Amino acid sequence: MAASFTVSLREAWARSDSLLCVGLDPDPARIPPHLAHRPDAILRFCTAIVDATADLVCAFKPQIAYFAAQRAEDQLEALIAHIHARHPGVPVVLDAKRGDIGSTAEQYAREAFERYRADAVTVNPYMGFDSVEPWLAHAGRGVILLCRTSNPGGADLQSLDVGGERLYERVARLAAGTWNTGGELGLVVGATVPAELARVRALAPDLPLLVPGIGAQGGDVAATVAAGRDAAGVGMMINSSRAILYAGRGEDFAEAARQAAADTRDAINQYRRS
C-alpha cells in the first residue's frame, strides 16, 4: 500500500531538503514557441518542468483550471501519472478548491483521487464540515483547506469576527482538532499575510501548510519561513509557480526553470537555518 499523503510529504521534506512546491499552471500564451503548436503542448511543457525540478521540491501542485480551460484534462491525468511513475514519493497536490455537499462532494472527491490520482487536493471549507467529510472518506489522501488566502480580498470574509476569533482562526482550530479525523488535513495560508500565517501555525502546530504567494505575488521568503515552519523546521509547501515555469522562453526553458527552482529552494533553506 502506498504511503499516506502526510507520510510522503515528511519523507519528501527530508529527501529533497526542500520546502519548495512548484505550481504547474500552464498558460498556453506563455508556453515556449517550439512547443506551442503541438497537440500535447501542455503535457510536454509540464513534464519537462517536472523532470528538471523533481529533486529540488517537496511537492508539485497542478492547477486544474489551466488544464480544463484548454480541454486538456487527459493531459493532466497523464502528467500526474508521469510524476508518480518517474518521481515516486513526490506528492501531487491537485489545486481545485472544490466546495460542495453530499453526493456532489463525493463526486468531486472521486474526480480528484480516482480519476486524477492526486495525493492531496485543495478544498473550500466554508460550507462547513459536511462539505469536507466526503473527502476524508479517501483514506491516506490529503485534504488541504482554504484558511487565510493570499489574495487581497481574502480578508473580506476570512478576517471577520466570529464569536471572539477570526473566521480563518476558527477554520485552523477545527482543522487541527475535531475535523482531522484521518490525520490528513492541511491548510492553505498565504505568504502575503505573515502575521496570519504565524497565528495559524500557533493554532495548528502540526498541520502541513500550503503557502502560495512568494515569487510573482511578492511574498517575503524570510518572513514566510519564520512564521510558518513547524518545530522541526519543516511543515510547509511553499509554492512558486510563474517565477519558475516561465523563467525561460527558449528551448532551454526547463534548465532555466531548474535554476529558478534551485535559487528559490536555497533562499528558503537559508532562512530555515538562520
C-alpha atoms as a PDB file:
ATOM      1  CA  MET A   1       0.000   0.000   0.000  1.00  0.00           C
ATOM      2  CA  ALA A   2       1.294   3.462  -0.878  1.00  0.00           C
ATOM      3  CA  ALA A   3       2.255   5.790   1.944  1.00  0.00           C
ATOM      4  CA  SER A   4      -0.289   8.352   3.059  1.00  0.00           C
ATOM      5  CA  PHE A   5      -0.021  11.952   1.929  1.00  0.00           C
ATOM      6  CA  THR A   6       1.388  13.234   5.225  1.00  0.00           C
ATOM      7  CA  VAL A   7       3.949  10.420   5.413  1.00  0.00           C
ATOM      8  CA  SER A   8       5.006  11.000   1.800  1.00  0.00           C
ATOM      9  CA  LEU A   9       5.324  14.712   2.448  1.00  0.00           C
ATOM     10  CA  ARG A  10       7.509  14.224   5.528  1.00  0.00           C
ATOM     11  CA  GLU A  11       9.722  11.874   3.534  1.00  0.00           C
ATOM     12  CA  ALA A  12       9.915  14.367   0.669  1.00  0.00           C
ATOM     13  CA  TRP A  13      10.960  17.192   3.010  1.00  0.00           C
ATOM     14  CA  ALA A  14      13.813  15.038   4.271  1.00  0.00           C
ATOM     15  CA  ARG A  15      14.848  13.529   0.937  1.00  0.00           C
ATOM     16  CA  SER A  16      14.936  16.785  -1.036  1.00  0.00           C
ATOM     17  CA  ASP A  17      15.963  19.048   1.864  1.00  0.00           C
ATOM     18  CA  SER A  18      13.350  21.395   0.445  1.00  0.00           C
ATOM     19  CA  LEU A  19      10.110  23.154   1.351  1.00  0.00           C
ATOM     20  CA  LEU A  20       9.572  24.266  -2.256  1.00  0.00           C
ATOM     21  CA  CYS A  21       6.404  23.279  -4.085  1.00  0.00           C
ATOM     22  CA  VAL A  22       6.311  24.015  -7.814  1.00  0.00           C
ATOM     23  CA  GLY A  23       2.909  25.049  -9.098  1.00  0.00           C
ATOM     24  CA  LEU A  24       2.022  23.790 -12.567  1.00  0.00           C
ATOM     25  CA  ASP A  25      -0.167  26.497 -14.126  1.00  0.00           C
ATOM     26  CA  PRO A  26       0.412  26.095 -17.869  1.00  0.00           C
ATOM     27  CA  ASP A  27      -0.698  29.221 -19.727  1.00  0.00           C
ATOM     28  CA  PRO A  28      -0.761  28.461 -23.484  1.00  0.00           C
ATOM     29  CA  ALA A  29       0.229  32.033 -24.265  1.00  0.00           C
ATOM     30  CA  ARG A  30       3.484  31.570 -22.341  1.00  0.00           C
ATOM     31  CA  ILE A  31       4.495  28.092 -23.443  1.00  0.00           C
ATOM     32  CA  PRO A  32       7.755  28.281 -25.450  1.00  0.00           C
ATOM     33  CA  PRO A  33       7.143  28.688 -29.177  1.00  0.00           C
ATOM     34  CA  HIS A  34       8.817  25.416 -30.188  1.00  0.00           C
ATOM     35  CA  LEU A  35       6.154  23.515 -28.208  1.00  0.00           C
ATOM     36  CA  ALA A  36       3.159  25.798 -28.643  1.00  0.00           C
ATOM     37  CA  HIS A  37       1.651  24.175 -31.735  1.00  0.00           C
ATOM     38  CA  ARG A  38       1.867  20.587 -30.544  1.00  0.00           C
ATOM     39  CA  PRO A  39      -1.459  18.959 -29.576  1.00  0.00           C
ATOM     40  CA  ASP A  40       0.192  17.784 -26.351  1.00  0.00           C
ATOM     41  CA  ALA A  41       1.996  21.076 -25.691  1.00  0.00           C
ATOM     42  CA  ILE A  42       0.724  21.408 -22.115  1.00  0.00           C
ATOM     43  CA  LEU A  43       1.858  17.912 -21.194  1.00  0.00           C
ATOM     44  CA  ARG A  44       5.254  18.317 -22.861  1.00  0.00           C
ATOM     45  CA  PHE A  45       5.826  21.649 -21.145  1.00  0.00           C
ATOM     46  CA  CYS A  46       4.808  20.441 -17.683  1.00  0.00           C
ATOM     47  CA  THR A  47       6.668  17.134 -17.795  1.00  0.00           C
ATOM     48  CA  ALA A  48       9.846  18.942 -18.823  1.00  0.00           C
ATOM     49  CA  ILE A  49       9.476  21.273 -15.834  1.00  0.00           C
ATOM     50  CA  VAL A  50       8.766  18.323 -13.538  1.00  0.00           C
ATOM     51  CA  ASP A  51      11.754  16.303 -14.723  1.00  0.00           C
ATOM     52  CA  ALA A  52      14.057  19.312 -14.379  1.00  0.00           C
ATOM     53  CA  THR A  53      12.996  20.189 -10.828  1.00  0.00           C
ATOM     54  CA  ALA A  54      11.789  16.994  -9.122  1.00  0.00           C
ATOM     55  CA  ASP A  55      14.877  16.576  -6.926  1.00  0.00           C
ATOM     56  CA  LEU A  56      14.527  20.176  -5.686  1.00  0.00           C
ATOM     57  CA  VAL A  57      10.928  20.081  -4.469  1.00  0.00           C
ATOM     58  CA  CYS A  58       8.748  18.559  -1.781  1.00  0.00           C
ATOM     59  CA  ALA A  59       5.594  18.575  -3.954  1.00  0.00           C
ATOM     60  CA  PHE A  60       4.047  19.569  -7.261  1.00  0.00           C
ATOM     61  CA  LYS A  61       0.754  21.460  -7.489  1.00  0.00           C
ATOM     62  CA  PRO A  62      -1.076  21.355 -10.831  1.00  0.00           C
ATOM     63  CA  GLN A  63      -3.934  23.870 -11.041  1.00  0.00           C
ATOM     64  CA  ILE A  64      -6.899  22.142 -12.639  1.00  0.00           C
ATOM     65  CA  ALA A  65      -8.390  25.232 -14.305  1.00  0.00           C
ATOM     66  CA  TYR A  66      -5.383  25.680 -16.595  1.00  0.00           C
ATOM     67  CA  PHE A  67      -5.964  22.200 -17.973  1.00  0.00           C
ATOM     68  CA  ALA A  68      -9.764  22.193 -18.074  1.00  0.00           C
ATOM     69  CA  ALA A  69      -9.963  25.542 -19.878  1.00  0.00           C
ATOM     70  CA  GLN A  70      -7.921  24.049 -22.728  1.00  0.00           C
ATOM     71  CA  ARG A  71      -9.874  20.760 -22.773  1.00  0.00           C
ATOM     72  CA  ALA A  72      -6.651  19.151 -21.597  1.00  0.00           C
ATOM     73  CA  GLU A  73      -7.904  17.050 -18.701  1.00  0.00           C
ATOM     74  CA  ASP A  74      -6.382  13.990 -20.369  1.00  0.00           C
ATOM     75  CA  GLN A  75      -3.011  15.751 -20.274  1.00  0.00           C
ATOM     76  CA  LEU A  76      -3.499  16.427 -16.559  1.00  0.00           C
ATOM     77  CA  GLU A  77      -4.149  12.724 -15.989  1.00  0.00           C
ATOM     78  CA  ALA A  78      -1.030  11.876 -17.977  1.00  0.00           C
ATOM     79  CA  LEU A  79       1.040  14.474 -16.110  1.00  0.00           C
ATOM     80  CA  ILE A  80       0.143  13.112 -12.683  1.00  0.00           C
ATOM     81  CA  ALA A  81       0.758   9.560 -13.891  1.00  0.00           C
ATOM     82  CA  HIS A  82       4.161  10.713 -15.151  1.00  0.00           C
ATOM     83  CA  ILE A  83       5.063  12.225 -11.783  1.00  0.00           C
ATOM     84  CA  HIS A  84       4.078   9.071  -9.926  1.00  0.00           C
ATOM     85  CA  ALA A  85       5.968   6.825 -12.361  1.00  0.00           C
ATOM     86  CA  ARG A  86       9.141   8.867 -12.842  1.00  0.00           C
ATOM     87  CA  HIS A  87       9.388  10.579  -9.471  1.00  0.00           C
ATOM     88  CA  PRO A  88       7.754   8.274  -6.930  1.00  0.00           C
ATOM     89  CA  GLY A  89       7.438   9.759  -3.497  1.00  0.00           C
ATOM     90  CA  VAL A  90       6.921  13.351  -4.676  1.00  0.00           C
ATOM     91  CA  PRO A  91       3.347  14.206  -3.622  1.00  0.00           C
ATOM     92  CA  VAL A  92       0.957  15.782  -6.098  1.00  0.00           C
ATOM     93  CA  VAL A  93      -1.489  18.364  -4.739  1.00  0.00           C
ATOM     94  CA  LEU A  94      -4.355  18.996  -7.140  1.00  0.00           C
ATOM     95  CA  ASP A  95      -5.300  22.647  -6.782  1.00  0.00           C
ATOM     96  CA  ALA A  96      -9.042  22.511  -7.404  1.00  0.00           C
ATOM     97  CA  LYS A  97     -10.555  24.468  -4.476  1.00  0.00           C
ATOM     98  CA  ARG A  98     -13.719  22.401  -4.671  1.00  0.00           C
ATOM     99  CA  GLY A  99     -16.588  23.065  -2.271  1.00  0.00           C
ATOM    100  CA  ASP A 100     -19.960  21.342  -2.175  1.00  0.00           C
ATOM    101  CA  ILE A 101     -22.013  18.967  -0.050  1.00  0.00           C
ATOM    102  CA  GLY A 102     -23.280  15.409  -0.028  1.00  0.00           C
ATOM    103  CA  SER A 103     -23.206  13.355  -3.191  1.00  0.00           C
ATOM    104  CA  THR A 104     -21.755  16.220  -5.248  1.00  0.00           C
ATOM    105  CA  ALA A 105     -18.746  16.482  -2.929  1.00  0.00           C
ATOM    106  CA  GLU A 106     -18.367  12.719  -3.202  1.00  0.00           C
ATOM    107  CA  GLN A 107     -18.139  13.016  -6.993  1.00  0.00           C
ATOM    108  CA  TYR A 108     -15.583  15.810  -6.769  1.00  0.00           C
ATOM    109  CA  ALA A 109     -13.524  13.614  -4.427  1.00  0.00           C
ATOM    110  CA  ARG A 110     -13.699  10.722  -6.885  1.00  0.00           C
ATOM    111  CA  GLU A 111     -12.567  13.069  -9.651  1.00  0.00           C
ATOM    112  CA  ALA A 112      -9.504  14.179  -7.697  1.00  0.00           C
ATOM    113  CA  PHE A 113      -8.480  10.889  -6.148  1.00  0.00           C
ATOM    114  CA  GLU A 114      -9.712   8.218  -8.556  1.00  0.00           C
ATOM    115  CA  ARG A 115      -9.611   9.912 -11.954  1.00  0.00           C
ATOM    116  CA  TYR A 116      -6.548  12.124 -11.490  1.00  0.00           C
ATOM    117  CA  ARG A 117      -4.868  10.049  -8.754  1.00  0.00           C
ATOM    118  CA  ALA A 118      -3.835  13.122  -6.808  1.00  0.00           C
ATOM    119  CA  ASP A 119      -2.237  12.608  -3.405  1.00  0.00           C
ATOM    120  CA  ALA A 120      -3.994  15.659  -1.991  1.00  0.00           C
ATOM    121  CA  VAL A 121      -6.472  18.315  -3.084  1.00  0.00           C
ATOM    122  CA  THR A 122      -7.380  21.850  -2.057  1.00  0.00           C
ATOM    123  CA  VAL A 123     -10.925  22.219  -0.715  1.00  0.00           C
ATOM    124  CA  ASN A 124     -13.078  25.206   0.238  1.00  0.00           C
ATOM    125  CA  PRO A 125     -14.421  24.517   3.766  1.00  0.00           C
ATOM    126  CA  TYR A 126     -16.770  27.479   4.060  1.00  0.00           C
ATOM    127  CA  MET A 127     -19.880  25.312   3.671  1.00  0.00           C
ATOM    128  CA  GLY A 128     -18.997  23.504   6.889  1.00  0.00           C
ATOM    129  CA  PHE A 129     -17.882  20.042   7.920  1.00  0.00           C
ATOM    130  CA  ASP A 130     -20.403  18.184   5.782  1.00  0.00           C
ATOM    131  CA  SER A 131     -18.688  19.695   2.735  1.00  0.00           C
ATOM    132  CA  VAL A 132     -15.312  18.371   3.961  1.00  0.00           C
ATOM    133  CA  GLU A 133     -16.345  14.958   5.261  1.00  0.00           C
ATOM    134  CA  PRO A 134     -16.758  13.201   1.870  1.00  0.00           C
ATOM    135  CA  TRP A 135     -13.132  13.940   1.054  1.00  0.00           C
ATOM    136  CA  LEU A 136     -11.999  12.341   4.314  1.00  0.00           C
ATOM    137  CA  ALA A 137     -13.506   9.012   3.255  1.00  0.00           C
ATOM    138  CA  HIS A 138     -10.494   8.522   0.974  1.00  0.00           C
ATOM    139  CA  ALA A 139      -8.007   7.150   3.476  1.00  0.00           C
ATOM    140  CA  GLY A 140      -4.454   8.373   3.115  1.00  0.00           C
ATOM    141  CA  ARG A 141      -5.311  11.242   0.773  1.00  0.00           C
ATOM    142  CA  GLY A 142      -4.603  14.800   1.853  1.00  0.00           C
ATOM    143  CA  VAL A 143      -7.309  17.441   2.113  1.00  0.00           C
ATOM    144  CA  ILE A 144      -5.923  20.973   2.262  1.00  0.00           C
ATOM    145  CA  LEU A 145      -8.484  23.511   3.392  1.00  0.00           C
ATOM    146  CA  LEU A 146      -8.513  27.152   2.357  1.00  0.00           C
ATOM    147  CA  CYS A 147      -7.831  29.095   5.528  1.00  0.00           C
ATOM    148  CA  ARG A 148      -6.254  32.549   5.033  1.00  0.00           C
ATOM    149  CA  THR A 149      -5.624  33.013   1.345  1.00  0.00           C
ATOM    150  CA  SER A 150      -3.007  35.185  -0.334  1.00  0.00           C
ATOM    151  CA  ASN A 151      -5.331  37.319  -2.482  1.00  0.00           C
ATOM    152  CA  PRO A 152      -6.030  40.950  -1.459  1.00  0.00           C
ATOM    153  CA  GLY A 153      -9.727  40.247  -0.882  1.00  0.00           C
ATOM    154  CA  GLY A 154      -9.091  37.298   1.406  1.00  0.00           C
ATOM    155  CA  ALA A 155      -9.679  39.408   4.496  1.00  0.00           C
ATOM    156  CA  ASP A 156     -13.177  40.428   3.348  1.00  0.00           C
ATOM    157  CA  LEU A 157     -14.626  37.282   4.890  1.00  0.00           C
ATOM    158  CA  GLN A 158     -11.750  35.308   6.392  1.00  0.00           C
ATOM    159  CA  SER A 159     -10.924  38.016   8.948  1.00  0.00           C
ATOM    160  CA  LEU A 160     -14.481  38.559  10.176  1.00  0.00           C
ATOM    161  CA  ASP A 161     -15.014  38.198  13.918  1.00  0.00           C
ATOM    162  CA  VAL A 162     -16.939  35.029  14.752  1.00  0.00           C
ATOM    163  CA  GLY A 163     -17.516  34.872  18.479  1.00  0.00           C
ATOM    164  CA  GLY A 164     -14.223  36.361  19.555  1.00  0.00           C
ATOM    165  CA  GLU A 165     -11.952  34.905  16.905  1.00  0.00           C
ATOM    166  CA  ARG A 166     -11.360  35.475  13.220  1.00  0.00           C
ATOM    167  CA  LEU A 167     -13.056  33.141  10.780  1.00  0.00           C
ATOM    168  CA  TYR A 168      -9.731  31.860   9.458  1.00  0.00           C
ATOM    169  CA  GLU A 169      -8.698  31.121  13.048  1.00  0.00           C
ATOM    170  CA  ARG A 170     -11.848  29.061  13.520  1.00  0.00           C
ATOM    171  CA  VAL A 171     -11.031  27.067  10.383  1.00  0.00           C
ATOM    172  CA  ALA A 172      -7.478  26.453  11.621  1.00  0.00           C
ATOM    173  CA  ARG A 173      -8.654  25.360  15.050  1.00  0.00           C
ATOM    174  CA  LEU A 174     -11.254  22.969  13.624  1.00  0.00           C
ATOM    175  CA  ALA A 175      -8.773  21.525  11.134  1.00  0.00           C
ATOM    176  CA  ALA A 176      -6.264  20.869  13.901  1.00  0.00           C
ATOM    177  CA  GLY A 177      -8.982  19.330  16.090  1.00  0.00           C
ATOM    178  CA  THR A 178     -12.272  17.583  15.538  1.00  0.00           C
ATOM    179  CA  TRP A 179     -12.312  17.808  11.737  1.00  0.00           C
ATOM    180  CA  ASN A 180      -8.993  15.974  11.317  1.00  0.00           C
ATOM    181  CA  THR A 181     -10.498  12.528  11.630  1.00  0.00           C
ATOM    182  CA  GLY A 182      -7.900  10.748   9.493  1.00  0.00           C
ATOM    183  CA  GLY A 183      -4.858  12.868  10.272  1.00  0.00           C
ATOM    184  CA  GLU A 184      -4.523  14.053   6.666  1.00  0.00           C
ATOM    185  CA  LEU A 185      -5.783  17.648   6.812  1.00  0.00           C
ATOM    186  CA  GLY A 186      -3.672  20.657   5.888  1.00  0.00           C
ATOM    187  CA  LEU A 187      -4.311  24.369   5.418  1.00  0.00           C
ATOM    188  CA  VAL A 188      -3.741  26.973   2.712  1.00  0.00           C
ATOM    189  CA  VAL A 189      -2.272  30.182   4.150  1.00  0.00           C
ATOM    190  CA  GLY A 190      -0.718  32.903   2.014  1.00  0.00           C
ATOM    191  CA  ALA A 191       2.851  34.132   2.219  1.00  0.00           C
ATOM    192  CA  THR A 192       1.475  37.655   1.726  1.00  0.00           C
ATOM    193  CA  VAL A 193      -0.013  37.621   5.256  1.00  0.00           C
ATOM    194  CA  PRO A 194       2.883  36.561   7.535  1.00  0.00           C
ATOM    195  CA  ALA A 195       1.198  37.646  10.766  1.00  0.00           C
ATOM    196  CA  GLU A 196      -1.819  35.485   9.992  1.00  0.00           C
ATOM    197  CA  LEU A 197       0.493  32.675   8.903  1.00  0.00           C
ATOM    198  CA  ALA A 198       2.171  32.774  12.306  1.00  0.00           C
ATOM    199  CA  ARG A 199      -1.225  32.722  14.004  1.00  0.00           C
ATOM    200  CA  VAL A 200      -2.324  29.677  12.006  1.00  0.00           C
ATOM    201  CA  ARG A 201       0.913  27.885  12.887  1.00  0.00           C
ATOM    202  CA  ALA A 202       0.240  28.589  16.568  1.00  0.00           C
ATOM    203  CA  LEU A 203      -3.290  27.180  16.285  1.00  0.00           C
ATOM    204  CA  ALA A 204      -2.273  24.202  14.145  1.00  0.00           C
ATOM    205  CA  PRO A 205       1.300  23.369  15.159  1.00  0.00           C
ATOM    206  CA  ASP A 206       1.430  20.002  13.416  1.00  0.00           C
ATOM    207  CA  LEU A 207      -0.554  20.519  10.210  1.00  0.00           C
ATOM    208  CA  PRO A 208       1.166  20.874   6.844  1.00  0.00           C
ATOM    209  CA  LEU A 209       0.635  24.305   5.343  1.00  0.00           C
ATOM    210  CA  LEU A 210       0.418  25.029   1.628  1.00  0.00           C
ATOM    211  CA  VAL A 211       1.796  28.542   1.297  1.00  0.00           C
ATOM    212  CA  PRO A 212       1.265  30.371  -2.010  1.00  0.00           C
ATOM    213  CA  GLY A 213       2.334  33.943  -2.607  1.00  0.00           C
ATOM    214  CA  ILE A 214       6.112  34.076  -2.986  1.00  0.00           C
ATOM    215  CA  GLY A 215       7.656  34.829  -6.363  1.00  0.00           C
ATOM    216  CA  ALA A 216       5.261  36.687  -8.659  1.00  0.00           C
ATOM    217  CA  GLN A 217       2.881  37.582  -5.796  1.00  0.00           C
ATOM    218  CA  GLY A 218       5.656  39.213  -3.793  1.00  0.00           C
ATOM    219  CA  GLY A 219       5.567  37.317  -0.514  1.00  0.00           C
ATOM    220  CA  ASP A 220       8.738  37.671   1.574  1.00  0.00           C
ATOM    221  CA  VAL A 221      10.657  34.411   1.928  1.00  0.00           C
ATOM    222  CA  ALA A 222      12.293  35.235   5.253  1.00  0.00           C
ATOM    223  CA  ALA A 223       9.027  36.299   6.870  1.00  0.00           C
ATOM    224  CA  THR A 224       7.244  33.256   5.442  1.00  0.00           C
ATOM    225  CA  VAL A 225       9.758  30.778   6.816  1.00  0.00           C
ATOM    226  CA  ALA A 226       9.867  32.443  10.224  1.00  0.00           C
ATOM    227  CA  ALA A 227       6.084  32.479  10.519  1.00  0.00           C
ATOM    228  CA  GLY A 228       5.182  29.089   9.101  1.00  0.00           C
ATOM    229  CA  ARG A 229       7.819  26.486   9.881  1.00  0.00           C
ATOM    230  CA  ASP A 230       6.956  23.887  12.467  1.00  0.00           C
ATOM    231  CA  ALA A 231       9.024  22.763  15.446  1.00  0.00           C
ATOM    232  CA  ALA A 232      11.105  20.514  13.203  1.00  0.00           C
ATOM    233  CA  GLY A 233      11.871  23.336  10.773  1.00  0.00           C
ATOM    234  CA  VAL A 234       9.622  21.962   8.037  1.00  0.00           C
ATOM    235  CA  GLY A 235       5.804  21.879   7.903  1.00  0.00           C
ATOM    236  CA  MET A 236       5.331  23.914   4.728  1.00  0.00           C
ATOM    237  CA  MET A 237       4.920  23.530   0.993  1.00  0.00           C
ATOM    238  CA  ILE A 238       5.983  26.995  -0.143  1.00  0.00           C
ATOM    239  CA  ASN A 239       4.567  27.333  -3.627  1.00  0.00           C
ATOM    240  CA  SER A 240       6.062  29.184  -6.557  1.00  0.00           C
ATOM    241  CA  SER A 241       4.509  28.888  -9.999  1.00  0.00           C
ATOM    242  CA  ARG A 242       5.075  31.588 -12.604  1.00  0.00           C
ATOM    243  CA  ALA A 243       8.542  32.625 -11.422  1.00  0.00           C
ATOM    244  CA  ILE A 244       9.758  29.084 -12.070  1.00  0.00           C
ATOM    245  CA  LEU A 245       7.600  27.962 -15.003  1.00  0.00           C
ATOM    246  CA  TYR A 246       8.389  30.999 -17.113  1.00  0.00           C
ATOM    247  CA  ALA A 247      11.989  31.654 -16.092  1.00  0.00           C
ATOM    248  CA  GLY A 248      12.936  30.968 -19.712  1.00  0.00           C
ATOM    249  CA  ARG A 249      11.158  31.181 -23.062  1.00  0.00           C
ATOM    250  CA  GLY A 250      13.575  29.351 -25.328  1.00  0.00           C
ATOM    251  CA  GLU A 251      14.326  25.705 -25.916  1.00  0.00           C
ATOM    252  CA  ASP A 252      16.303  25.743 -22.666  1.00  0.00           C
ATOM    253  CA  PHE A 253      13.202  26.662 -20.640  1.00  0.00           C
ATOM    254  CA  ALA A 254      13.499  23.580 -18.434  1.00  0.00           C
ATOM    255  CA  GLU A 255      17.089  24.403 -17.499  1.00  0.00           C
ATOM    256  CA  ALA A 256      16.025  27.967 -16.661  1.00  0.00           C
ATOM    257  CA  ALA A 257      13.201  26.595 -14.524  1.00  0.00           C
ATOM    258  CA  ARG A 258      15.634  24.333 -12.694  1.00  0.00           C
ATOM    259  CA  GLN A 259      17.918  27.256 -11.909  1.00  0.00           C
ATOM    260  CA  ALA A 260      14.997  29.351 -10.638  1.00  0.00           C
ATOM    261  CA  ALA A 261      13.794  26.440  -8.508  1.00  0.00           C
ATOM    262  CA  ALA A 262      17.267  25.845  -7.093  1.00  0.00           C
ATOM    263  CA  ASP A 263      17.640  29.527  -6.239  1.00  0.00           C
ATOM    264  CA  THR A 264      14.247  29.549  -4.517  1.00  0.00           C
ATOM    265  CA  ARG A 265      14.944  26.329  -2.609  1.00  0.00           C
ATOM    266  CA  ASP A 266      18.305  27.696  -1.459  1.00  0.00           C
ATOM    267  CA  ALA A 267      16.787  31.006  -0.348  1.00  0.00           C
ATOM    268  CA  ILE A 268      14.178  29.154   1.692  1.00  0.00           C
ATOM    269  CA  ASN A 269      16.850  26.934   3.262  1.00  0.00           C
ATOM    270  CA  GLN A 270      18.991  29.937   4.129  1.00  0.00           C
ATOM    271  CA  TYR A 271      16.242  31.247   6.377  1.00  0.00           C
ATOM    272  CA  ARG A 272      15.298  27.805   7.710  1.00  0.00           C
ATOM    273  CA  ARG A 273      18.804  27.534   9.144  1.00  0.00           C
ATOM    274  CA  SER A 274      19.358  31.105  10.298  1.00  0.00           C
END
